[in-house]
C-alpha atoms as a PDB file:
ATOM      1  CA  MET A   1     -48.218 -12.287  14.618  1.00  0.00           C
ATOM      2  CA  ALA A   2     -48.636  -9.277  12.349  1.00  0.00           C
ATOM      3  CA  THR A   3     -45.918  -7.472  14.245  1.00  0.00           C
ATOM      4  CA  ILE A   4     -43.280 -10.102  13.482  1.00  0.00           C
ATOM      5  CA  PRO A   5     -42.449  -8.893   9.937  1.00  0.00           C
ATOM      6  CA  ALA A   6     -42.230  -5.312  11.164  1.00  0.00           C
ATOM      7  CA  THR A   7     -39.920  -6.401  13.969  1.00  0.00           C
ATOM      8  CA  LEU A   8     -37.740  -8.347  11.536  1.00  0.00           C
ATOM      9  CA  ASP A   9     -37.608  -5.364   9.168  1.00  0.00           C
ATOM     10  CA  SER A  10     -36.560  -2.989  11.921  1.00  0.00           C
ATOM     11  CA  THR A  11     -33.934  -5.466  13.131  1.00  0.00           C
ATOM     12  CA  CYS A  12     -32.528  -5.804   9.609  1.00  0.00           C
ATOM     13  CA  THR A  13     -32.551  -2.022   9.242  1.00  0.00           C
ATOM     14  CA  ARG A  14     -30.671  -1.590  12.481  1.00  0.00           C
ATOM     15  CA  SER A  15     -28.218  -4.303  11.464  1.00  0.00           C
ATOM     16  CA  GLY A  16     -27.606  -2.646   8.098  1.00  0.00           C
ATOM     17  CA  ALA A  17     -27.102   0.751   9.694  1.00  0.00           C
ATOM     18  CA  SER A  18     -24.765  -0.619  12.345  1.00  0.00           C
ATOM     19  CA  LEU A  19     -22.682  -2.460   9.747  1.00  0.00           C
ATOM     20  CA  ALA A  20     -21.163   0.773   8.446  1.00  0.00           C
ATOM     21  CA  THR A  21     -20.452   1.829  12.026  1.00  0.00           C
ATOM     22  CA  ILE A  22     -18.658  -1.452  12.709  1.00  0.00           C
ATOM     23  CA  TYR A  23     -16.465  -1.056   9.622  1.00  0.00           C
ATOM     24  CA  TRP A  24     -15.742   2.574  10.462  1.00  0.00           C
ATOM     25  CA  ARG A  25     -14.768   1.839  14.054  1.00  0.00           C
ATOM     26  CA  GLU A  26     -12.591  -1.105  13.103  1.00  0.00           C
ATOM     27  CA  ALA A  27     -10.740   1.050  10.549  1.00  0.00           C
ATOM     28  CA  LYS A  28     -10.504   3.967  12.995  1.00  0.00           C
ATOM     29  CA  TYR A  29      -8.989   1.922  15.811  1.00  0.00           C
ATOM     30  CA  GLU A  30      -6.659   0.133  13.427  1.00  0.00           C
ATOM     31  CA  PHE A  31      -5.376   3.520  12.259  1.00  0.00           C
ATOM     32  CA  LEU A  32      -4.988   4.861  15.812  1.00  0.00           C
ATOM     33  CA  THR A  33      -3.190   1.700  16.902  1.00  0.00           C
ATOM     34  CA  ARG A  34      -0.631   1.960  14.102  1.00  0.00           C
ATOM     35  CA  LEU A  35      -0.289   5.713  14.487  1.00  0.00           C
ATOM     36  CA  ARG A  36       0.696   5.247  18.136  1.00  0.00           C
ATOM     37  CA  LEU A  37       3.076   2.451  17.205  1.00  0.00           C
ATOM     38  CA  ARG A  38       6.084   4.613  16.362  1.00  0.00           C
ATOM     39  CA  ALA A  39       8.022   1.732  14.812  1.00  0.00           C
ATOM     40  CA  TYR A  40       5.365   1.658  12.107  1.00  0.00           C
ATOM     41  CA  SER A  41       4.109   5.220  11.746  1.00  0.00           C
ATOM     42  CA  LEU A  42       7.446   7.048  11.904  1.00  0.00           C
ATOM     43  CA  SER A  43       9.404   4.609   9.761  1.00  0.00           C
ATOM     44  CA  THR A  44       6.657   4.278   7.160  1.00  0.00           C
ATOM     45  CA  ILE A  45       6.432   8.025   6.709  1.00  0.00           C
ATOM     46  CA  SER A  46      10.027   9.072   7.359  1.00  0.00           C
ATOM     47  CA  PHE A  47      11.940   6.651   5.094  1.00  0.00           C
ATOM     48  CA  PRO A  48      10.510   7.746   1.714  1.00  0.00           C
ATOM     49  CA  VAL A  49      10.443  11.376   2.837  1.00  0.00           C
ATOM     50  CA  MET A  50      14.056  11.209   4.053  1.00  0.00           C
ATOM     51  CA  PHE A  51      15.256   9.595   0.820  1.00  0.00           C
ATOM     52  CA  TYR A  52      13.386  12.161  -1.254  1.00  0.00           C
ATOM     53  CA  VAL A  53      14.896  15.059   0.707  1.00  0.00           C
ATOM     54  CA  LEU A  54      18.378  13.576   0.368  1.00  0.00           C
ATOM     55  CA  PHE A  55      18.357  12.544  -3.295  1.00  0.00           C
ATOM     56  CA  GLY A  56      15.671  14.840  -4.680  1.00  0.00           C
ATOM     57  CA  LEU A  57      16.450  18.090  -2.886  1.00  0.00           C
ATOM     58  CA  VAL A  58      19.899  18.060  -1.270  1.00  0.00           C
ATOM     59  CA  LEU A  59      22.223  16.107  -3.570  1.00  0.00           C
ATOM     60  CA  ASN A  60      20.754  17.309  -6.875  1.00  0.00           C
ATOM     61  CA  PRO A  61      20.469  20.919  -8.027  1.00  0.00           C
ATOM     62  CA  ARG A  62      17.051  22.192  -9.050  1.00  0.00           C
ATOM     63  CA  ASP A  63      17.938  22.219 -12.741  1.00  0.00           C
ATOM     64  CA  ALA A  64      19.222  18.609 -12.771  1.00  0.00           C
ATOM     65  CA  ALA A  65      17.206  16.651 -15.313  1.00  0.00           C
ATOM     66  CA  VAL A  66      16.317  13.016 -15.946  1.00  0.00           C
ATOM     67  CA  ALA A  67      13.882  11.507 -18.464  1.00  0.00           C
ATOM     68  CA  GLY A  68      12.827  14.938 -19.697  1.00  0.00           C
ATOM     69  CA  THR A  69      11.943  16.377 -16.304  1.00  0.00           C
ATOM     70  CA  THR A  70      13.720  17.560 -13.170  1.00  0.00           C
ATOM     71  CA  VAL A  71      15.082  15.063 -10.667  1.00  0.00           C
ATOM     72  CA  ALA A  72      12.839  16.515  -7.966  1.00  0.00           C
ATOM     73  CA  THR A  73       9.799  15.852 -10.153  1.00  0.00           C
ATOM     74  CA  TYR A  74      10.927  12.408 -11.314  1.00  0.00           C
ATOM     75  CA  LEU A  75      11.468  11.143  -7.773  1.00  0.00           C
ATOM     76  CA  ILE A  76       7.960  11.975  -6.549  1.00  0.00           C
ATOM     77  CA  PRO A  77       6.406   8.977  -8.368  1.00  0.00           C
ATOM     78  CA  THR A  78       9.312   6.621  -7.631  1.00  0.00           C
ATOM     79  CA  TYR A  79       9.687   7.396  -3.945  1.00  0.00           C
ATOM     80  CA  GLY A  80       5.916   7.672  -3.761  1.00  0.00           C
ATOM     81  CA  THR A  81       5.726   4.064  -4.978  1.00  0.00           C
ATOM     82  CA  PHE A  82       8.412   3.121  -2.460  1.00  0.00           C
ATOM     83  CA  GLY A  83       6.418   4.734   0.352  1.00  0.00           C
ATOM     84  CA  VAL A  84       3.143   3.170  -0.759  1.00  0.00           C
ATOM     85  CA  MET A  85       4.731  -0.278  -0.747  1.00  0.00           C
ATOM     86  CA  GLY A  86       6.104   0.190   2.760  1.00  0.00           C
ATOM     87  CA  ALA A  87       2.854   1.505   4.200  1.00  0.00           C
ATOM     88  CA  SER A  88       0.868  -1.342   2.653  1.00  0.00           C
ATOM     89  CA  LEU A  89       3.196  -4.254   3.371  1.00  0.00           C
ATOM     90  CA  PHE A  90       4.122  -3.366   6.926  1.00  0.00           C
ATOM     91  CA  GLY A  91       0.594  -2.297   7.787  1.00  0.00           C
ATOM     92  CA  THR A  92      -0.963  -5.543   6.608  1.00  0.00           C
ATOM     93  CA  ALA A  93       1.652  -8.307   6.737  1.00  0.00           C
ATOM     94  CA  ALA A  94       3.439  -7.366   9.951  1.00  0.00           C
ATOM     95  CA  GLY A  95       0.215  -6.522  11.783  1.00  0.00           C
ATOM     96  CA  LEU A  96      -1.588  -9.633  10.597  1.00  0.00           C
ATOM     97  CA  ALA A  97       1.305 -11.951  11.457  1.00  0.00           C
ATOM     98  CA  ALA A  98       1.630 -10.454  14.947  1.00  0.00           C
ATOM     99  CA  GLU A  99      -2.096 -10.701  15.642  1.00  0.00           C
ATOM    100  CA  ARG A 100      -2.220 -14.286  14.374  1.00  0.00           C
ATOM    101  CA  GLY A 101       0.593 -15.147  16.765  1.00  0.00           C
ATOM    102  CA  LEU A 102      -1.280 -13.588  19.693  1.00  0.00           C
ATOM    103  CA  GLY A 103      -4.484 -15.464  18.840  1.00  0.00           C
ATOM    104  CA  TRP A 104      -6.301 -12.215  18.152  1.00  0.00           C
ATOM    105  CA  LEU A 105      -7.844 -13.544  14.941  1.00  0.00           C
ATOM    106  CA  GLN A 106      -9.526 -16.341  16.887  1.00  0.00           C
ATOM    107  CA  VAL A 107     -11.067 -13.741  19.177  1.00  0.00           C
ATOM    108  CA  LYS A 108     -12.280 -11.828  16.124  1.00  0.00           C
ATOM    109  CA  ARG A 109     -13.844 -14.967  14.671  1.00  0.00           C
ATOM    110  CA  ALA A 110     -15.663 -15.664  17.929  1.00  0.00           C
ATOM    111  CA  SER A 111     -17.071 -12.138  18.040  1.00  0.00           C
ATOM    112  CA  PRO A 112     -20.179 -11.014  16.124  1.00  0.00           C
ATOM    113  CA  MET A 113     -18.068  -8.635  14.043  1.00  0.00           C
ATOM    114  CA  PRO A 114     -18.271  -9.299  10.259  1.00  0.00           C
ATOM    115  CA  PRO A 115     -15.079 -11.205   9.329  1.00  0.00           C
ATOM    116  CA  PHE A 116     -14.379  -8.952   6.347  1.00  0.00           C
ATOM    117  CA  ALA A 117     -14.284  -5.846   8.584  1.00  0.00           C
ATOM    118  CA  TYR A 118     -10.908  -6.916   9.957  1.00  0.00           C
ATOM    119  CA  PHE A 119      -9.339  -7.144   6.509  1.00  0.00           C
ATOM    120  CA  ALA A 120     -11.068  -3.982   5.288  1.00  0.00           C
ATOM    121  CA  ALA A 121      -9.500  -2.109   8.213  1.00  0.00           C
ATOM    122  CA  LYS A 122      -6.036  -3.339   7.209  1.00  0.00           C
ATOM    123  CA  VAL A 123      -6.572  -2.153   3.648  1.00  0.00           C
ATOM    124  CA  ALA A 124      -7.946   1.198   4.847  1.00  0.00           C
ATOM    125  CA  LEU A 125      -4.815   1.592   6.981  1.00  0.00           C
ATOM    126  CA  GLY A 126      -2.586   1.044   3.956  1.00  0.00           C
ATOM    127  CA  LEU A 127      -4.588   3.500   1.854  1.00  0.00           C
ATOM    128  CA  THR A 128      -4.500   6.170   4.559  1.00  0.00           C
ATOM    129  CA  PHE A 129      -0.772   6.017   5.244  1.00  0.00           C
ATOM    130  CA  SER A 130      -0.076   5.827   1.512  1.00  0.00           C
ATOM    131  CA  ALA A 131      -2.012   9.057   1.029  1.00  0.00           C
ATOM    132  CA  ILE A 132      -0.077  10.726   3.868  1.00  0.00           C
ATOM    133  CA  VAL A 133       3.278   9.745   2.361  1.00  0.00           C
ATOM    134  CA  VAL A 134       2.399  10.925  -1.157  1.00  0.00           C
ATOM    135  CA  LEU A 135       0.966  14.226   0.063  1.00  0.00           C
ATOM    136  CA  LEU A 136       4.088  14.922   2.125  1.00  0.00           C
ATOM    137  CA  LEU A 137       6.306  14.233  -0.887  1.00  0.00           C
ATOM    138  CA  LEU A 138       4.246  16.605  -3.009  1.00  0.00           C
ATOM    139  CA  LEU A 139       4.390  19.282  -0.319  1.00  0.00           C
ATOM    140  CA  LEU A 140       8.180  19.029  -0.100  1.00  0.00           C
ATOM    141  CA  ALA A 141       8.552  18.985  -3.876  1.00  0.00           C
ATOM    142  CA  VAL A 142       6.447  22.095  -4.423  1.00  0.00           C
ATOM    143  CA  THR A 143       7.788  24.008  -1.419  1.00  0.00           C
ATOM    144  CA  PHE A 144      11.506  23.246  -1.651  1.00  0.00           C
ATOM    145  CA  GLY A 145      12.095  21.488  -4.976  1.00  0.00           C
ATOM    146  CA  GLY A 146      10.655  24.058  -7.349  1.00  0.00           C
ATOM    147  CA  VAL A 147       8.258  21.474  -8.763  1.00  0.00           C
ATOM    148  CA  HIS A 148       5.277  22.852 -10.665  1.00  0.00           C
ATOM    149  CA  LEU A 149       2.304  20.539 -11.131  1.00  0.00           C
ATOM    150  CA  SER A 150      -1.231  21.508 -12.008  1.00  0.00           C
ATOM    151  CA  LEU A 151      -3.882  20.704  -9.446  1.00  0.00           C
ATOM    152  CA  LEU A 152      -5.329  18.099 -11.821  1.00  0.00           C
ATOM    153  CA  ALA A 153      -1.943  16.418 -12.335  1.00  0.00           C
ATOM    154  CA  ALA A 154      -1.255  16.390  -8.593  1.00  0.00           C
ATOM    155  CA  ALA A 155      -4.680  14.895  -7.861  1.00  0.00           C
ATOM    156  CA  LYS A 156      -4.181  12.251 -10.545  1.00  0.00           C
ATOM    157  CA  LEU A 157      -0.757  11.383  -9.150  1.00  0.00           C
ATOM    158  CA  VAL A 158      -2.152  10.969  -5.630  1.00  0.00           C
ATOM    159  CA  ALA A 159      -5.072   8.891  -6.899  1.00  0.00           C
ATOM    160  CA  ILE A 160      -2.839   6.525  -8.901  1.00  0.00           C
ATOM    161  CA  LEU A 161      -0.369   5.970  -6.075  1.00  0.00           C
ATOM    162  CA  VAL A 162      -3.025   5.505  -3.400  1.00  0.00           C
ATOM    163  CA  ALA A 163      -5.013   3.124  -5.612  1.00  0.00           C
ATOM    164  CA  GLY A 164      -1.726   1.375  -6.354  1.00  0.00           C
ATOM    165  CA  SER A 165      -1.387   0.483  -2.696  1.00  0.00           C
ATOM    166  CA  LEU A 166      -4.151  -2.120  -3.087  1.00  0.00           C
ATOM    167  CA  PRO A 167      -1.960  -4.763  -4.804  1.00  0.00           C
ATOM    168  CA  PHE A 168       0.591  -4.431  -2.013  1.00  0.00           C
ATOM    169  CA  CYS A 169      -2.112  -4.637   0.646  1.00  0.00           C
ATOM    170  CA  ALA A 170      -3.145  -7.920  -0.998  1.00  0.00           C
ATOM    171  CA  MET A 171       0.483  -9.018  -1.001  1.00  0.00           C
ATOM    172  CA  GLY A 172       0.702  -8.088   2.684  1.00  0.00           C
ATOM    173  CA  LEU A 173      -2.339 -10.210   3.509  1.00  0.00           C
ATOM    174  CA  ALA A 174      -0.757 -13.177   1.744  1.00  0.00           C
ATOM    175  CA  LEU A 175       2.551 -12.690   3.558  1.00  0.00           C
ATOM    176  CA  GLY A 176       0.782 -12.201   6.879  1.00  0.00           C
ATOM    177  CA  TYR A 177      -0.747 -15.667   6.662  1.00  0.00           C
ATOM    178  CA  PHE A 178       2.506 -17.418   5.755  1.00  0.00           C
ATOM    179  CA  THR A 179       4.973 -15.709   8.092  1.00  0.00           C
ATOM    180  CA  GLY A 180       5.285 -15.837  11.855  1.00  0.00           C
ATOM    181  CA  PRO A 181       5.159 -12.850  14.210  1.00  0.00           C
ATOM    182  CA  ASN A 182       8.949 -12.915  14.681  1.00  0.00           C
ATOM    183  CA  SER A 183       9.868 -13.404  11.039  1.00  0.00           C
ATOM    184  CA  ALA A 184       7.339 -11.140   9.309  1.00  0.00           C
ATOM    185  CA  VAL A 185       9.346  -7.900   9.363  1.00  0.00           C
ATOM    186  CA  ALA A 186      12.548  -9.591   8.180  1.00  0.00           C
ATOM    187  CA  THR A 187      10.660 -11.392   5.407  1.00  0.00           C
ATOM    188  CA  ILE A 188       9.005  -8.158   4.270  1.00  0.00           C
ATOM    189  CA  ASN A 189      12.362  -6.391   4.096  1.00  0.00           C
ATOM    190  CA  LEU A 190      13.894  -9.270   2.126  1.00  0.00           C
ATOM    191  CA  ILE A 191      11.156  -8.784  -0.472  1.00  0.00           C
ATOM    192  CA  TYR A 192      10.442  -5.058  -0.238  1.00  0.00           C
ATOM    193  CA  LEU A 193      13.965  -3.672  -0.582  1.00  0.00           C
ATOM    194  CA  PRO A 194      15.173  -5.782  -3.557  1.00  0.00           C
ATOM    195  CA  LEU A 195      11.845  -5.191  -5.317  1.00  0.00           C
ATOM    196  CA  SER A 196      12.292  -1.442  -4.869  1.00  0.00           C
ATOM    197  CA  PHE A 197      15.804  -1.406  -6.301  1.00  0.00           C
ATOM    198  CA  CYS A 198      15.105  -3.754  -9.211  1.00  0.00           C
ATOM    199  CA  SER A 199      11.958  -1.802 -10.148  1.00  0.00           C
ATOM    200  CA  GLY A 200      13.905   1.443 -10.585  1.00  0.00           C
ATOM    201  CA  LEU A 201      12.544   3.204  -7.507  1.00  0.00           C
ATOM    202  CA  TRP A 202      15.929   4.187  -6.076  1.00  0.00           C
ATOM    203  CA  VAL A 203      17.872   4.544  -9.311  1.00  0.00           C
ATOM    204  CA  PRO A 204      16.025   5.625 -12.481  1.00  0.00           C
ATOM    205  CA  ILE A 205      15.217   2.549 -14.525  1.00  0.00           C
ATOM    206  CA  MET A 206      17.259   3.694 -17.553  1.00  0.00           C
ATOM    207  CA  PHE A 207      20.432   3.723 -15.412  1.00  0.00           C
ATOM    208  CA  LEU A 208      20.057   0.109 -14.303  1.00  0.00           C
ATOM    209  CA  PRO A 209      21.862  -2.712 -16.155  1.00  0.00           C
ATOM    210  CA  LYS A 210      19.981  -4.005 -19.192  1.00  0.00           C
ATOM    211  CA  PHE A 211      19.284  -7.308 -17.466  1.00  0.00           C
ATOM    212  CA  LEU A 212      17.568  -5.584 -14.526  1.00  0.00           C
ATOM    213  CA  GLN A 213      15.598  -3.378 -16.898  1.00  0.00           C
ATOM    214  CA  GLN A 214      14.117  -6.533 -18.397  1.00  0.00           C
ATOM    215  CA  VAL A 215      13.490  -8.087 -14.971  1.00  0.00           C
ATOM    216  CA  ALA A 216      11.693  -4.925 -13.855  1.00  0.00           C
ATOM    217  CA  HIS A 217       8.849  -5.582 -16.300  1.00  0.00           C
ATOM    218  CA  ALA A 218       7.858  -8.607 -14.215  1.00  0.00           C
ATOM    219  CA  LEU A 219       7.761  -6.646 -10.941  1.00  0.00           C
ATOM    220  CA  PRO A 220       4.597  -4.891  -9.655  1.00  0.00           C
ATOM    221  CA  PRO A 221       6.387  -1.759  -8.281  1.00  0.00           C
ATOM    222  CA  TYR A 222       7.734  -1.033 -11.767  1.00  0.00           C
ATOM    223  CA  HIS A 223       4.228  -0.936 -13.215  1.00  0.00           C
ATOM    224  CA  LEU A 224       2.893   1.355 -10.497  1.00  0.00           C
ATOM    225  CA  ALA A 225       5.889   3.665 -10.810  1.00  0.00           C
ATOM    226  CA  GLN A 226       5.462   3.876 -14.584  1.00  0.00           C
ATOM    227  CA  LEU A 227       1.794   4.784 -14.199  1.00  0.00           C
ATOM    228  CA  ALA A 228       2.749   7.557 -11.798  1.00  0.00           C
ATOM    229  CA  LEU A 229       5.689   8.716 -13.927  1.00  0.00           C
ATOM    230  CA  SER A 230       3.415   9.042 -16.942  1.00  0.00           C
ATOM    231  CA  VAL A 231       1.529  11.781 -15.072  1.00  0.00           C
ATOM    232  CA  VAL A 232       4.688  13.921 -14.886  1.00  0.00           C
ATOM    233  CA  GLY A 233       5.751  13.039 -18.445  1.00  0.00           C
ATOM    234  CA  ALA A 234       8.672  10.831 -17.451  1.00  0.00           C
ATOM    235  CA  GLY A 235       7.440   7.292 -18.078  1.00  0.00           C
ATOM    236  CA  GLN A 236       8.737   4.731 -20.558  1.00  0.00           C
ATOM    237  CA  HIS A 237       5.838   5.520 -22.913  1.00  0.00           C
ATOM    238  CA  GLU A 238       4.326   2.073 -22.500  1.00  0.00           C
ATOM    239  CA  SER A 239       0.629   1.251 -22.489  1.00  0.00           C
ATOM    240  CA  ASN A 240      -1.047   2.258 -19.230  1.00  0.00           C
ATOM    241  CA  TRP A 241      -3.464  -0.632 -19.682  1.00  0.00           C
ATOM    242  CA  SER A 242      -0.566  -3.112 -19.633  1.00  0.00           C
ATOM    243  CA  HIS A 243       0.556  -1.669 -16.299  1.00  0.00           C
ATOM    244  CA  TRP A 244      -2.945  -1.809 -14.809  1.00  0.00           C
ATOM    245  CA  SER A 245      -3.399  -5.350 -16.111  1.00  0.00           C
ATOM    246  CA  ALA A 246      -0.182  -6.471 -14.457  1.00  0.00           C
ATOM    247  CA  LEU A 247      -1.214  -4.903 -11.135  1.00  0.00           C
ATOM    248  CA  ILE A 248      -4.719  -6.401 -11.271  1.00  0.00           C
ATOM    249  CA  ALA A 249      -3.330  -9.862 -12.047  1.00  0.00           C
ATOM    250  CA  PHE A 250      -0.828  -9.546  -9.199  1.00  0.00           C
ATOM    251  CA  THR A 251      -3.615  -8.501  -6.807  1.00  0.00           C
ATOM    252  CA  LEU A 252      -5.777 -11.483  -7.727  1.00  0.00           C
ATOM    253  CA  ILE A 253      -2.876 -13.902  -7.280  1.00  0.00           C
ATOM    254  CA  CYS A 254      -2.070 -12.468  -3.845  1.00  0.00           C
ATOM    255  CA  LEU A 255      -5.714 -12.611  -2.775  1.00  0.00           C
ATOM    256  CA  GLY A 256      -5.818 -16.243  -3.864  1.00  0.00           C
ATOM    257  CA  VAL A 257      -2.737 -17.016  -1.779  1.00  0.00           C
ATOM    258  CA  ALA A 258      -4.246 -15.144   1.177  1.00  0.00           C
ATOM    259  CA  ARG A 259      -7.427 -17.183   0.820  1.00  0.00           C
ATOM    260  CA  ILE A 260      -5.385 -20.379   1.025  1.00  0.00           C
ATOM    261  CA  GLY A 261      -3.774 -19.032   4.202  1.00  0.00           C
ATOM    262  CA  ILE A 262      -7.157 -18.236   5.723  1.00  0.00           C
ATOM    263  CA  GLN A 263      -8.447 -21.754   4.995  1.00  0.00           C
ATOM    264  CA  ARG A 264      -5.278 -23.280   6.388  1.00  0.00           C
ATOM    265  CA  ASP A 265      -5.666 -21.324   9.636  1.00  0.00           C
ATOM    266  CA  GLU A 266      -9.332 -22.232   9.940  1.00  0.00           C
ATOM    267  CA  ASN A 267      -8.623 -25.924   9.371  1.00  0.00           C
ATOM    268  CA  HIS A 268      -5.796 -25.819  11.888  1.00  0.00           C
ATOM    269  CA  ASN A 269      -7.905 -24.150  14.562  1.00  0.00           C
ATOM    270  CA  TYR A 270     -11.240 -25.788  13.965  1.00  0.00           C
ATOM    271  CA  GLY A 271     -10.557 -28.868  11.859  1.00  0.00           C
END
């Protein structure tokens, strides 16, 4: 009988050690799956990069200025926000909706895998592709756009934009539970593209009509873009805390909606 506690301790130790491995493998295979899915990986990376090359490098001379900085510098945060949104929404919402339709979530529930590992892998996917997009934009800006940022400023910009993908991952989880596998992509685009325009990601916010400038303050992409623009000295000089507060509140609301979707699915399948 004296060996029972030792056996339980070793089992718990092995379980704790294997937990990290489970999370790592789930995130790894989620990343590899999406990387091999060209409709996701190429479009997620190429769209913001293509727009930046076109509007930041080709159609505007190097000395063109906006909001006290060059166009090439200004568009890194805005198209970075655009890219982060795409990577997060399509990686979570579209993937989740498709896997729900295939019954894959029921298989996951029946397996011994921790339920949260599935969602953590989706978020890790969004963070990873967001980082790739932002780093590519910075590389293009420095190499071809004549942009000069200190290493600290560049690191801060990457950190803000990658961290800013979390609210949109939460939004993707909420959408993934309330859209079908055939309607998810269309629904994402109906939300993603108007949000991007109205938040001043395609056209600098000061060039939008006054009405849209006011609307932008209620939109999450605007707040993330302003946080990133403040790093390059081109923001609206608003309180950073107000932007973070708006993003945190938006994240919590989306997580609450996602939780309702999870409960609805569980009641439907097992109720």
